[in-house]
């Protein structure tokens, strides 16, 4: 089972100089390749792929103006071209927008494959580096595991981070339980379970909004290109990092608890991309990170041998009475409690939805039937093949 652990590290001045040059070269090669591919299409209507850009990189290294590309490892440069190819593949498949140029103030990243680093005695030494990276090992990699790739990231706040990817054979399924859980995601309450529990929304962005507003206001007053503007930019980036870290920490603790306590977890397949187009709810929806919750639940269920099921987003979980099955015609968002006109049962909107989600998910897992009369697809989600971050 593939895993990836992230660590902070504090490079020496020599290492930082080399890493910053590496990130700059990766950014330059990526942007030049993107420019060449864009120009080739608009001028000659020709599609340029990875092999052509790799040949271009060889020619660029021979140019006098770009001779500095030879001073860093060639592996991150090639990996950057592969990432660009992946970005174009996602664009042509309709999964993403057209690739953007990388910017310096965003920090950047560089990926090193197995041929570009050494892992010896619990230490990682990158190519062109004479000393191992001073990593803060908050947890050790399991014995016998060899990293396949490492990714160096520089955050806009100036924080260095390394992500180590490896195959973990020690990961074992958790003991089987007979407990199943339906989950309804919300804003006022982050998670509502079919057991009747409600997890309140911490509202991480709102906690730091005043500080962030003041820092951004101060940044807007600074003259572009000045040192004071750079200091103000770092201050804003640190507040954003604080919000991200607190949100990620809370979600990891919550999803791990849910996976450990339940054998089957059922959620709705929400279209978060479309939902954030609502200007009145965009900030609140982005803050709760529904997509991240379902992503973590999916790969953690795969890790620990749990069942993860997604039901169709159009299933009327809020409109359906969990007691008799009656479906009401309208259910506005401001209606949080309602009485069933058929059986008279009083419902909490979110709790009733979570019970219906659980029932629909169990029906899908048992017989594979559609949960909607219109025969729309209800997906029993398999483990998503993506690199999880723990």
Protein backbone atom coordinates (compact mmCIF):
# COMPACT_ATOMS: atom_id res chain seq x y z
CA UNK A 1 0.00 0.00 0.00
CA UNK A 2 1.52 3.31 -1.05
CA UNK A 3 1.77 6.08 1.51
CA UNK A 4 3.44 9.47 1.71
CA UNK A 5 4.72 11.17 4.86
CA UNK A 6 5.46 14.88 5.01
CA UNK A 7 8.16 16.43 7.21
CA UNK A 8 9.58 19.84 7.92
CA UNK A 9 13.28 20.34 7.30
CA UNK A 10 15.68 23.22 7.84
CA UNK A 11 18.37 23.32 5.12
CA UNK A 12 21.83 24.75 5.61
CA UNK A 13 22.69 27.91 3.66
CA UNK A 14 24.47 25.83 1.00
CA UNK A 15 21.55 23.42 0.69
CA UNK A 16 19.02 26.24 0.55
CA UNK A 17 20.96 27.94 -2.23
CA UNK A 18 21.04 24.73 -4.27
CA UNK A 19 17.37 23.96 -3.62
CA UNK A 20 16.25 27.46 -4.58
CA UNK A 21 18.23 27.22 -7.81
CA UNK A 22 16.65 23.82 -8.47
CA UNK A 23 13.15 25.17 -7.93
CA UNK A 24 13.92 28.11 -10.19
CA UNK A 25 15.19 25.83 -12.96
CA UNK A 26 12.17 23.54 -12.66
CA UNK A 27 9.89 26.57 -12.92
CA UNK A 28 11.80 27.93 -15.93
CA UNK A 29 11.73 24.62 -17.82
CA UNK A 30 8.03 24.11 -17.07
CA UNK A 31 7.11 27.61 -18.26
CA UNK A 32 9.26 27.39 -21.41
CA UNK A 33 7.76 24.02 -22.31
CA UNK A 34 4.25 25.34 -21.72
CA UNK A 35 5.01 28.36 -23.92
CA UNK A 36 6.40 26.17 -26.71
CA UNK A 37 3.40 23.85 -26.63
CA UNK A 38 0.98 26.77 -26.67
CA UNK A 39 2.77 28.53 -29.54
CA UNK A 40 3.00 25.31 -31.56
CA UNK A 41 -0.74 24.92 -31.43
CA UNK A 42 -1.69 28.52 -32.20
CA UNK A 43 0.88 28.99 -34.97
CA UNK A 44 0.99 25.54 -36.63
CA UNK A 45 -1.93 23.69 -35.00
CA UNK A 46 0.57 21.08 -33.91
CA UNK A 47 0.40 19.11 -30.66
CA UNK A 48 3.70 18.84 -28.83
CA UNK A 49 4.12 15.97 -26.36
CA UNK A 50 6.53 15.02 -23.60
CA UNK A 51 9.14 13.46 -25.91
CA UNK A 52 9.43 16.67 -27.95
CA UNK A 53 9.76 18.88 -24.86
CA UNK A 54 12.39 16.49 -23.48
CA UNK A 55 14.42 17.00 -26.67
CA UNK A 56 13.93 20.74 -26.30
CA UNK A 57 15.35 20.55 -22.77
CA UNK A 58 18.51 18.92 -24.15
CA UNK A 59 18.90 21.78 -26.62
CA UNK A 60 18.23 24.41 -23.96
CA UNK A 61 21.05 23.05 -21.83
CA UNK A 62 23.45 23.64 -24.70
CA UNK A 63 22.55 27.32 -24.99
CA UNK A 64 24.95 29.76 -23.36
CA UNK A 65 22.18 31.79 -21.72
CA UNK A 66 20.71 28.64 -20.10
CA UNK A 67 23.98 26.99 -19.14
CA UNK A 68 22.96 27.19 -15.45
CA UNK A 69 20.47 24.36 -16.04
CA UNK A 70 23.42 21.96 -15.89
CA UNK A 71 24.25 23.05 -12.33
CA UNK A 72 21.23 21.25 -10.84
CA UNK A 73 20.02 17.67 -11.04
CA UNK A 74 18.38 16.78 -14.36
CA UNK A 75 15.75 14.52 -12.70
CA UNK A 76 13.50 17.30 -11.28
CA UNK A 77 13.58 19.03 -14.68
CA UNK A 78 12.36 15.88 -16.44
CA UNK A 79 9.75 15.30 -13.74
CA UNK A 80 8.49 18.85 -14.30
CA UNK A 81 7.96 18.04 -17.98
CA UNK A 82 6.06 14.89 -17.00
CA UNK A 83 3.85 16.94 -14.68
CA UNK A 84 3.14 19.31 -17.57
CA UNK A 85 2.16 16.35 -19.74
CA UNK A 86 -0.21 15.17 -16.98
CA UNK A 87 -1.72 18.65 -16.79
CA UNK A 88 -2.42 18.63 -20.54
CA UNK A 89 -3.86 15.11 -20.31
CA UNK A 90 -6.29 16.27 -17.63
CA UNK A 91 -7.16 19.34 -19.70
CA UNK A 92 -7.97 17.37 -22.85
CA UNK A 93 -10.00 14.89 -20.77
CA UNK A 94 -12.08 17.76 -19.35
CA UNK A 95 -10.92 17.23 -15.76
CA UNK A 96 -9.02 20.51 -15.41
CA UNK A 97 -8.48 23.92 -16.96
CA UNK A 98 -5.65 24.87 -19.28
CA UNK A 99 -2.26 24.76 -17.48
CA UNK A 100 -1.01 28.01 -15.98
CA UNK A 101 2.50 29.40 -15.78
CA UNK A 102 4.28 28.88 -12.47
CA UNK A 103 5.12 31.98 -10.43
CA UNK A 104 8.09 32.60 -8.18
CA UNK A 105 6.15 33.90 -5.18
CA UNK A 106 4.17 30.63 -5.02
CA UNK A 107 7.26 28.79 -3.82
CA UNK A 108 7.35 25.72 -6.00
CA UNK A 109 8.27 22.05 -5.79
CA UNK A 110 10.79 19.61 -7.22
CA UNK A 111 10.34 15.85 -7.44
CA UNK A 112 13.33 13.49 -7.18
CA UNK A 113 12.98 9.89 -8.33
CA UNK A 114 14.99 7.04 -6.86
CA UNK A 115 18.01 7.72 -9.06
CA UNK A 116 18.39 11.27 -7.73
CA UNK A 117 18.66 10.67 -3.97
CA UNK A 118 20.15 8.28 -1.44
CA UNK A 119 18.38 6.84 1.59
CA UNK A 120 20.93 5.51 4.02
CA UNK A 121 20.90 5.13 7.82
CA UNK A 122 17.57 6.93 8.02
CA UNK A 123 18.89 10.00 6.19
CA UNK A 124 18.11 11.39 2.73
CA UNK A 125 20.80 12.97 0.55
CA UNK A 126 19.73 14.62 -2.69
CA UNK A 127 21.75 14.69 -5.89
CA UNK A 128 24.34 17.50 -6.02
CA UNK A 129 24.15 17.74 -2.18
CA UNK A 130 27.14 16.76 -0.08
CA UNK A 131 25.24 16.44 3.20
CA UNK A 132 21.93 14.77 4.15
CA UNK A 133 18.93 17.01 4.66
CA UNK A 134 18.32 18.01 8.31
CA UNK A 135 14.79 16.59 8.47
CA UNK A 136 12.64 16.86 11.59
CA UNK A 137 11.55 13.21 11.84
CA UNK A 138 8.18 13.52 13.56
CA UNK A 139 7.64 9.81 12.79
CA UNK A 140 9.91 7.18 11.33
CA UNK A 141 9.44 5.33 8.08
CA UNK A 142 8.64 1.63 8.81
CA UNK A 143 11.60 -0.72 8.77
CA UNK A 144 12.29 -2.27 5.41
CA UNK A 145 10.53 0.48 3.45
CA UNK A 146 12.48 2.20 0.69
CA UNK A 147 11.32 5.60 -0.57
CA UNK A 148 10.41 5.61 -4.26
CA UNK A 149 10.22 9.40 -4.71
CA UNK A 150 10.79 12.47 -2.59
CA UNK A 151 9.29 15.88 -3.28
CA UNK A 152 10.79 19.12 -1.98
CA UNK A 153 8.36 22.01 -1.49
CA UNK A 154 8.93 25.63 -0.60
CA UNK A 155 5.75 27.23 0.72
CA UNK A 156 5.04 30.92 0.09
CA UNK A 157 5.61 31.48 3.81
CA UNK A 158 9.23 30.33 3.46
CA UNK A 159 8.66 26.91 5.05
CA UNK A 160 10.55 23.95 3.60
CA UNK A 161 8.81 20.59 3.47
CA UNK A 162 9.72 17.16 2.13
CA UNK A 163 7.19 14.50 1.11
CA UNK A 164 8.51 10.92 1.11
CA UNK A 165 6.57 8.32 -0.85
CA UNK A 166 7.01 4.61 -0.13
CA UNK A 167 5.24 1.26 -0.26
CA UNK A 168 4.19 0.19 3.25
CA UNK A 169 3.81 -3.61 3.65
CA UNK A 170 3.20 -3.27 7.39
CA UNK A 171 -0.24 -1.69 6.95
CA UNK A 172 -2.83 -4.16 8.26
CA UNK A 173 -6.66 -4.07 8.13
CA UNK A 174 -8.46 -3.16 11.35
CA UNK A 175 -10.60 -5.76 13.17
CA UNK A 176 -13.99 -6.19 11.51
CA UNK A 177 -16.96 -4.53 13.22
CA UNK A 178 -20.69 -4.69 12.49
CA UNK A 179 -21.21 -0.93 12.63
CA UNK A 180 -22.29 1.06 9.57
CA UNK A 181 -22.53 4.83 9.34
CA UNK A 182 -24.22 7.29 7.01
CA UNK A 183 -22.69 10.77 6.84
CA UNK A 184 -24.33 14.00 5.75
CA UNK A 185 -21.96 16.92 5.22
CA UNK A 186 -23.06 20.40 6.22
CA UNK A 187 -21.92 23.91 7.04
CA UNK A 188 -23.34 24.75 10.47
CA UNK A 189 -22.45 21.19 11.51
CA UNK A 190 -19.47 19.80 9.65
CA UNK A 191 -20.53 16.14 9.86
CA UNK A 192 -23.94 14.71 10.80
CA UNK A 193 -23.99 10.93 11.32
CA UNK A 194 -26.89 8.48 11.19
CA UNK A 195 -26.18 7.71 14.89
CA UNK A 196 -27.41 11.19 15.78
CA UNK A 197 -23.98 12.77 16.39
CA UNK A 198 -23.17 16.23 15.07
CA UNK A 199 -19.62 17.50 14.71
CA UNK A 200 -19.58 21.27 14.90
CA UNK A 201 -17.84 23.33 12.25
CA UNK A 202 -14.60 24.84 13.69
CA UNK A 203 -14.70 27.66 11.09
CA UNK A 204 -10.92 27.91 10.78
CA UNK A 205 -11.03 30.77 8.27
CA UNK A 206 -13.34 32.88 10.42
CA UNK A 207 -11.02 32.53 13.43
CA UNK A 208 -8.16 34.15 11.55
CA UNK A 209 -10.17 36.44 9.28
CA UNK A 210 -9.45 39.67 11.21
CA UNK A 211 -5.68 39.08 11.26
CA UNK A 212 -5.70 38.08 7.61
CA UNK A 213 -7.73 41.14 6.62
CA UNK A 214 -5.31 43.48 8.39
CA UNK A 215 -2.26 41.75 6.89
CA UNK A 216 -3.67 41.89 3.37
CA UNK A 217 -4.61 45.52 3.82
CA UNK A 218 -1.06 46.30 4.93
CA UNK A 219 0.31 44.37 1.94
CA UNK A 220 -1.77 46.41 -0.51
CA UNK A 221 -0.16 49.64 0.73
CA UNK A 222 3.42 48.49 0.14
CA UNK A 223 5.28 49.52 -2.98
CA UNK A 224 5.76 46.72 -5.49
CA UNK A 225 9.30 45.38 -5.56
CA UNK A 226 10.22 46.75 -2.12
CA UNK A 227 11.57 44.70 0.79
CA UNK A 228 8.69 45.81 2.99
CA UNK A 229 6.24 44.37 0.47
CA UNK A 230 8.07 41.05 0.57
CA UNK A 231 7.87 41.02 4.37
CA UNK A 232 4.16 41.78 4.23
CA UNK A 233 3.63 39.02 1.65
CA UNK A 234 5.33 36.46 3.89
CA UNK A 235 3.17 37.57 6.81
CA UNK A 236 0.00 36.97 4.77
CA UNK A 237 1.32 33.59 3.62
CA UNK A 238 2.01 32.52 7.22
CA UNK A 239 -1.58 33.28 8.24
CA UNK A 240 -2.85 31.24 5.28
CA UNK A 241 -0.52 28.40 6.31
CA UNK A 242 -1.88 28.56 9.86
CA UNK A 243 -5.45 28.22 8.56
CA UNK A 244 -4.49 25.31 6.30
CA UNK A 245 -2.60 23.46 9.04
CA UNK A 246 -5.40 23.75 11.59
CA UNK A 247 -8.00 22.62 9.05
CA UNK A 248 -5.90 19.66 7.93
CA UNK A 249 -5.16 18.58 11.50
CA UNK A 250 -8.85 18.61 12.45
CA UNK A 251 -9.95 16.71 9.34
CA UNK A 252 -7.32 14.00 9.77
CA UNK A 253 -8.32 13.39 13.38
CA UNK A 254 -12.02 13.31 12.48
CA UNK A 255 -11.74 10.99 9.47
CA UNK A 256 -9.38 8.60 11.28
CA UNK A 257 -11.84 8.29 14.16
CA UNK A 258 -14.74 7.60 11.77
CA UNK A 259 -12.80 4.93 9.88
CA UNK A 260 -11.60 3.18 13.05
CA UNK A 261 -15.08 2.96 14.59
CA UNK A 262 -17.12 1.88 11.54
CA UNK A 263 -16.93 -0.98 9.07
CA UNK A 264 -19.02 0.72 6.37
CA UNK A 265 -19.13 4.46 5.66
CA UNK A 266 -21.64 5.96 3.23
CA UNK A 267 -21.47 9.53 1.90
CA UNK A 268 -22.98 11.54 -0.93
CA UNK A 269 -21.06 12.19 -4.12
CA UNK A 270 -21.22 15.99 -3.98
CA UNK A 271 -20.39 18.31 -6.89
CA UNK A 272 -18.34 20.76 -4.81
CA UNK A 273 -16.98 22.53 -7.93
CA UNK A 274 -20.48 23.53 -8.92
CA UNK A 275 -21.61 24.38 -5.40
CA UNK A 276 -18.86 26.94 -4.82
CA UNK A 277 -20.18 28.94 -7.78
CA UNK A 278 -22.83 30.27 -5.40
CA UNK A 279 -21.26 33.57 -4.21
CA UNK A 280 -23.21 33.54 -0.94
CA UNK A 281 -21.96 30.10 0.13
CA UNK A 282 -18.62 29.81 -1.67
CA UNK A 283 -16.46 30.88 1.27
CA UNK A 284 -18.29 28.67 3.78
CA UNK A 285 -18.20 25.62 1.49
CA UNK A 286 -14.52 26.10 0.75
CA UNK A 287 -13.73 26.39 4.46
CA UNK A 288 -15.40 23.10 5.42
CA UNK A 289 -13.49 21.17 2.70
CA UNK A 290 -16.11 18.56 1.81
CA UNK A 291 -13.95 17.23 -1.00
CA UNK A 292 -11.00 16.70 1.33
CA UNK A 293 -13.18 14.87 3.85
CA UNK A 294 -14.41 12.37 1.27
CA UNK A 295 -10.88 11.98 -0.16
CA UNK A 296 -9.45 11.11 3.23
CA UNK A 297 -12.28 8.73 4.04
CA UNK A 298 -11.77 6.93 0.71
CA UNK A 299 -8.05 6.21 1.05
CA UNK A 300 -8.18 5.48 4.79
CA UNK A 301 -10.95 2.93 4.20
CA UNK A 302 -8.69 1.35 1.59
CA UNK A 303 -5.81 1.31 4.06
CA UNK A 304 -7.70 -0.29 6.93
CA UNK A 305 -10.00 -2.67 5.06
CA UNK A 306 -13.22 -0.68 5.48
CA UNK A 307 -16.08 -0.29 3.01
CA UNK A 308 -16.47 3.17 1.49
CA UNK A 309 -19.64 3.84 -0.53
CA UNK A 310 -20.73 6.96 -2.41
CA UNK A 311 -24.36 7.37 -3.43
CA UNK A 312 -25.70 9.55 -6.22
CA UNK A 313 -25.72 13.29 -5.47
CA UNK A 314 -29.31 13.55 -6.78
CA UNK A 315 -30.69 11.04 -4.31
CA UNK A 316 -33.44 12.93 -2.33
CA UNK A 317 -31.91 12.29 1.09
CA UNK A 318 -33.35 15.47 2.67
CA UNK A 319 -36.80 15.23 1.08
CA UNK A 320 -37.41 11.57 1.91
CA UNK A 321 -38.91 10.51 5.25
CA UNK A 322 -36.58 7.96 6.83
CA UNK A 323 -39.55 6.37 8.64
CA UNK A 324 -42.11 5.75 5.84
CA UNK A 325 -40.26 6.72 2.64
CA UNK A 326 -42.57 9.57 1.63
CA UNK A 327 -40.88 12.25 -0.53
CA UNK A 328 -42.00 15.86 -0.18
CA UNK A 329 -41.99 18.11 -3.22
CA UNK A 330 -39.97 21.05 -1.88
CA UNK A 331 -37.37 21.41 0.85
CA UNK A 332 -35.84 24.95 0.99
CA UNK A 333 -32.47 25.38 2.69
CA UNK A 334 -33.89 27.49 5.52
CA UNK A 335 -36.17 24.62 6.62
CA UNK A 336 -34.10 22.73 9.20
CA UNK A 337 -36.92 20.71 10.79
CA UNK A 338 -40.11 19.28 9.27
CA UNK A 339 -42.98 16.87 9.89
CA UNK A 340 -43.80 14.07 7.47
CA UNK A 341 -47.32 14.62 6.02
CA UNK A 342 -47.85 10.86 5.76
CA UNK A 343 -46.75 9.40 9.11
CA UNK A 344 -46.37 12.62 11.13
CA UNK A 345 -42.78 11.87 12.17
CA UNK A 346 -40.81 14.95 13.22
CA UNK A 347 -37.44 15.14 11.47
CA UNK A 348 -34.23 17.05 11.89
CA UNK A 349 -33.28 17.78 8.27
CA UNK A 350 -29.61 16.75 8.49
CA UNK A 351 -30.14 13.73 10.74
CA UNK A 352 -32.92 12.46 8.49
CA UNK A 353 -30.64 12.88 5.46
CA UNK A 354 -27.83 10.87 7.08
CA UNK A 355 -30.23 8.00 7.86
CA UNK A 356 -31.44 7.95 4.26
CA UNK A 357 -27.85 8.04 2.98
CA UNK A 358 -27.00 5.00 5.10
CA UNK A 359 -30.06 3.06 3.91
CA UNK A 360 -29.32 3.88 0.26
CA UNK A 361 -25.66 2.96 0.61
CA UNK A 362 -26.45 -0.41 2.19
CA UNK A 363 -28.91 -1.12 -0.64
CA UNK A 364 -26.20 -0.38 -3.19
CA UNK A 365 -23.62 -2.55 -1.40
CA UNK A 366 -25.96 -5.53 -1.01
CA UNK A 367 -27.66 -5.75 -4.39
CA UNK A 368 -26.07 -3.03 -6.52
CA UNK A 369 -29.49 -1.52 -7.22
CA UNK A 370 -30.09 2.09 -8.14
CA UNK A 371 -31.33 4.24 -5.28
CA UNK A 372 -33.36 6.51 -7.57
CA UNK A 373 -36.50 5.75 -9.53
CA UNK A 374 -34.93 7.43 -12.59
CA UNK A 375 -32.26 4.70 -12.64
CA UNK A 376 -29.41 7.15 -12.25
CA UNK A 377 -26.05 5.74 -11.38
CA UNK A 378 -25.24 5.07 -7.76
CA UNK A 379 -21.57 4.46 -7.35
CA UNK A 380 -19.97 2.06 -4.97
CA UNK A 381 -16.69 3.88 -4.77
CA UNK A 382 -13.55 1.89 -5.06
CA UNK A 383 -10.26 3.10 -3.64
CA UNK A 384 -9.12 6.14 -5.56
CA UNK A 385 -5.68 5.59 -7.00
CA UNK A 386 -4.00 8.74 -5.83
CA UNK A 387 -1.16 9.58 -3.49
CA UNK A 388 -2.65 10.03 -0.01
CA UNK A 389 -1.04 12.41 2.44
CA UNK A 390 -1.14 11.48 6.04
